[in-house]
Amino acid sequence: MVPVLDNLNRAIQAASANNDFDGLNQGVELVSKQFSRELKNNNVEIIDAKNRKFDPKTDEAFLTEETDDPEMDNMIIQELEPGYIFKDKLIKAAKVKVAHLKT
């Protein structure tokens, strides 16, 4: 994890020295990808919350939206933040938007 932090600090320093916000954005994107690889290499899995039913064991219904379609009831329609699992244990629930049937 230390190399990830080092790269983030380098991106911030380079952008501050040159007022290069496009460069900062690119640097932060690279660090995000590096951090994601490190998580994967350390057996942290991202919860796939797209196109499935809401599961209170792994998801947090942050927003809801009414639907007229019975098949969409309790379906995740948007992932707001990913969730993470480490060794079959939830470390962060996915924050999601869930459809609910109009009554």
Protein backbone atom coordinates (compact mmCIF):
# COMPACT_ATOMS: atom_id res chain seq x y z
CA MET A 1 0.00 0.00 0.00
CA VAL A 2 2.92 2.35 0.60
CA PRO A 3 3.80 2.62 -3.13
CA VAL A 4 0.20 3.64 -3.84
CA LEU A 5 0.44 6.46 -1.28
CA ASP A 6 3.82 7.51 -2.69
CA ASN A 7 2.36 7.75 -6.21
CA LEU A 8 -0.60 9.76 -4.97
CA ASN A 9 1.69 12.21 -3.20
CA ARG A 10 3.86 12.56 -6.34
CA ALA A 11 0.78 13.35 -8.44
CA ILE A 12 -0.34 16.01 -5.96
CA GLN A 13 3.13 17.59 -5.75
CA ALA A 14 3.56 17.68 -9.52
CA ALA A 15 0.16 19.29 -10.03
CA SER A 16 0.75 21.85 -7.26
CA ALA A 17 4.12 22.87 -8.66
CA ASN A 18 2.76 23.43 -12.17
CA ASN A 19 -0.94 24.21 -11.60
CA ASP A 20 -1.53 21.19 -13.85
CA PHE A 21 -4.99 19.94 -12.92
CA ASP A 22 -5.29 17.72 -16.00
CA GLY A 23 -2.06 16.04 -14.93
CA LEU A 24 -3.41 15.70 -11.40
CA ASN A 25 -6.55 14.04 -12.73
CA GLN A 26 -4.49 11.57 -14.78
CA GLY A 27 -2.23 10.89 -11.81
CA VAL A 28 -5.14 10.23 -9.48
CA GLU A 29 -6.73 7.89 -12.06
CA LEU A 30 -3.48 5.92 -12.27
CA VAL A 31 -3.26 5.69 -8.48
CA SER A 32 -6.88 4.52 -8.32
CA LYS A 33 -6.11 1.72 -10.78
CA GLN A 34 -2.97 0.79 -8.84
CA PHE A 35 -4.90 0.75 -5.57
CA SER A 36 -7.61 -1.46 -7.12
CA ARG A 37 -4.92 -3.91 -8.27
CA GLU A 38 -3.43 -3.97 -4.76
CA LEU A 39 -6.84 -4.73 -3.24
CA LYS A 40 -7.39 -7.55 -5.72
CA ASN A 41 -3.90 -8.94 -5.06
CA ASN A 42 -4.77 -8.98 -1.35
CA ASN A 43 -8.03 -10.92 -1.90
CA VAL A 44 -10.38 -7.96 -1.51
CA GLU A 45 -13.27 -8.50 -3.93
CA ILE A 46 -15.64 -5.89 -5.32
CA ILE A 47 -19.33 -6.75 -4.92
CA ASP A 48 -21.06 -6.79 -8.29
CA ALA A 49 -24.26 -4.87 -7.54
CA LYS A 50 -25.42 -4.30 -11.10
CA ASN A 51 -28.52 -5.90 -12.67
CA ARG A 52 -29.60 -8.01 -9.70
CA LYS A 53 -32.02 -8.05 -6.79
CA PHE A 54 -31.23 -6.01 -3.70
CA ASP A 55 -29.58 -8.12 -0.99
CA PRO A 56 -29.55 -6.55 2.50
CA LYS A 57 -26.58 -8.75 3.42
CA THR A 58 -24.31 -6.99 0.92
CA ASP A 59 -26.16 -3.82 -0.12
CA GLU A 60 -27.28 -0.58 1.50
CA ALA A 61 -30.37 0.97 -0.12
CA PHE A 62 -29.20 4.57 -0.21
CA LEU A 63 -31.90 5.74 -2.65
CA THR A 64 -35.16 4.31 -3.97
CA GLU A 65 -37.24 4.94 -7.06
CA GLU A 66 -40.80 3.89 -7.78
CA THR A 67 -41.53 1.65 -10.75
CA ASP A 68 -44.66 0.38 -12.49
CA ASP A 69 -42.88 -2.78 -13.65
CA PRO A 70 -43.40 -5.72 -11.24
CA GLU A 71 -40.26 -7.42 -12.58
CA MET A 72 -38.17 -4.41 -11.50
CA ASP A 73 -39.44 -4.48 -7.90
CA ASN A 74 -36.49 -4.68 -5.50
CA MET A 75 -33.95 -4.55 -8.35
CA ILE A 76 -30.77 -2.50 -8.07
CA ILE A 77 -31.00 0.19 -10.74
CA GLN A 78 -27.80 2.08 -9.92
CA GLU A 79 -24.64 1.43 -7.96
CA LEU A 80 -23.62 4.61 -6.14
CA GLU A 81 -20.54 3.20 -4.38
CA PRO A 82 -19.04 -0.27 -4.66
CA GLY A 83 -19.03 -2.72 -1.80
CA TYR A 84 -16.12 -4.95 -0.79
CA ILE A 85 -15.65 -8.46 0.61
CA PHE A 86 -12.50 -9.86 2.20
CA LYS A 87 -12.26 -13.60 2.83
CA ASP A 88 -16.05 -14.04 2.56
CA LYS A 89 -16.66 -11.22 5.07
CA LEU A 90 -18.33 -7.96 4.16
CA ILE A 91 -16.05 -5.01 4.81
CA LYS A 92 -18.21 -2.38 3.08
CA ALA A 93 -21.75 -2.67 1.75
CA ALA A 94 -22.48 -1.45 -1.76
CA LYS A 95 -24.52 1.78 -1.72
CA VAL A 96 -27.26 1.36 -4.28
CA LYS A 97 -30.45 2.81 -5.74
CA VAL A 98 -33.32 0.30 -5.61
CA ALA A 99 -36.57 0.18 -7.57
CA HIS A 100 -39.79 -0.35 -5.59
CA LEU A 101 -43.18 -1.18 -7.07
CA LYS A 102 -45.71 1.65 -6.84
CA THR A 103 -48.59 0.85 -4.50
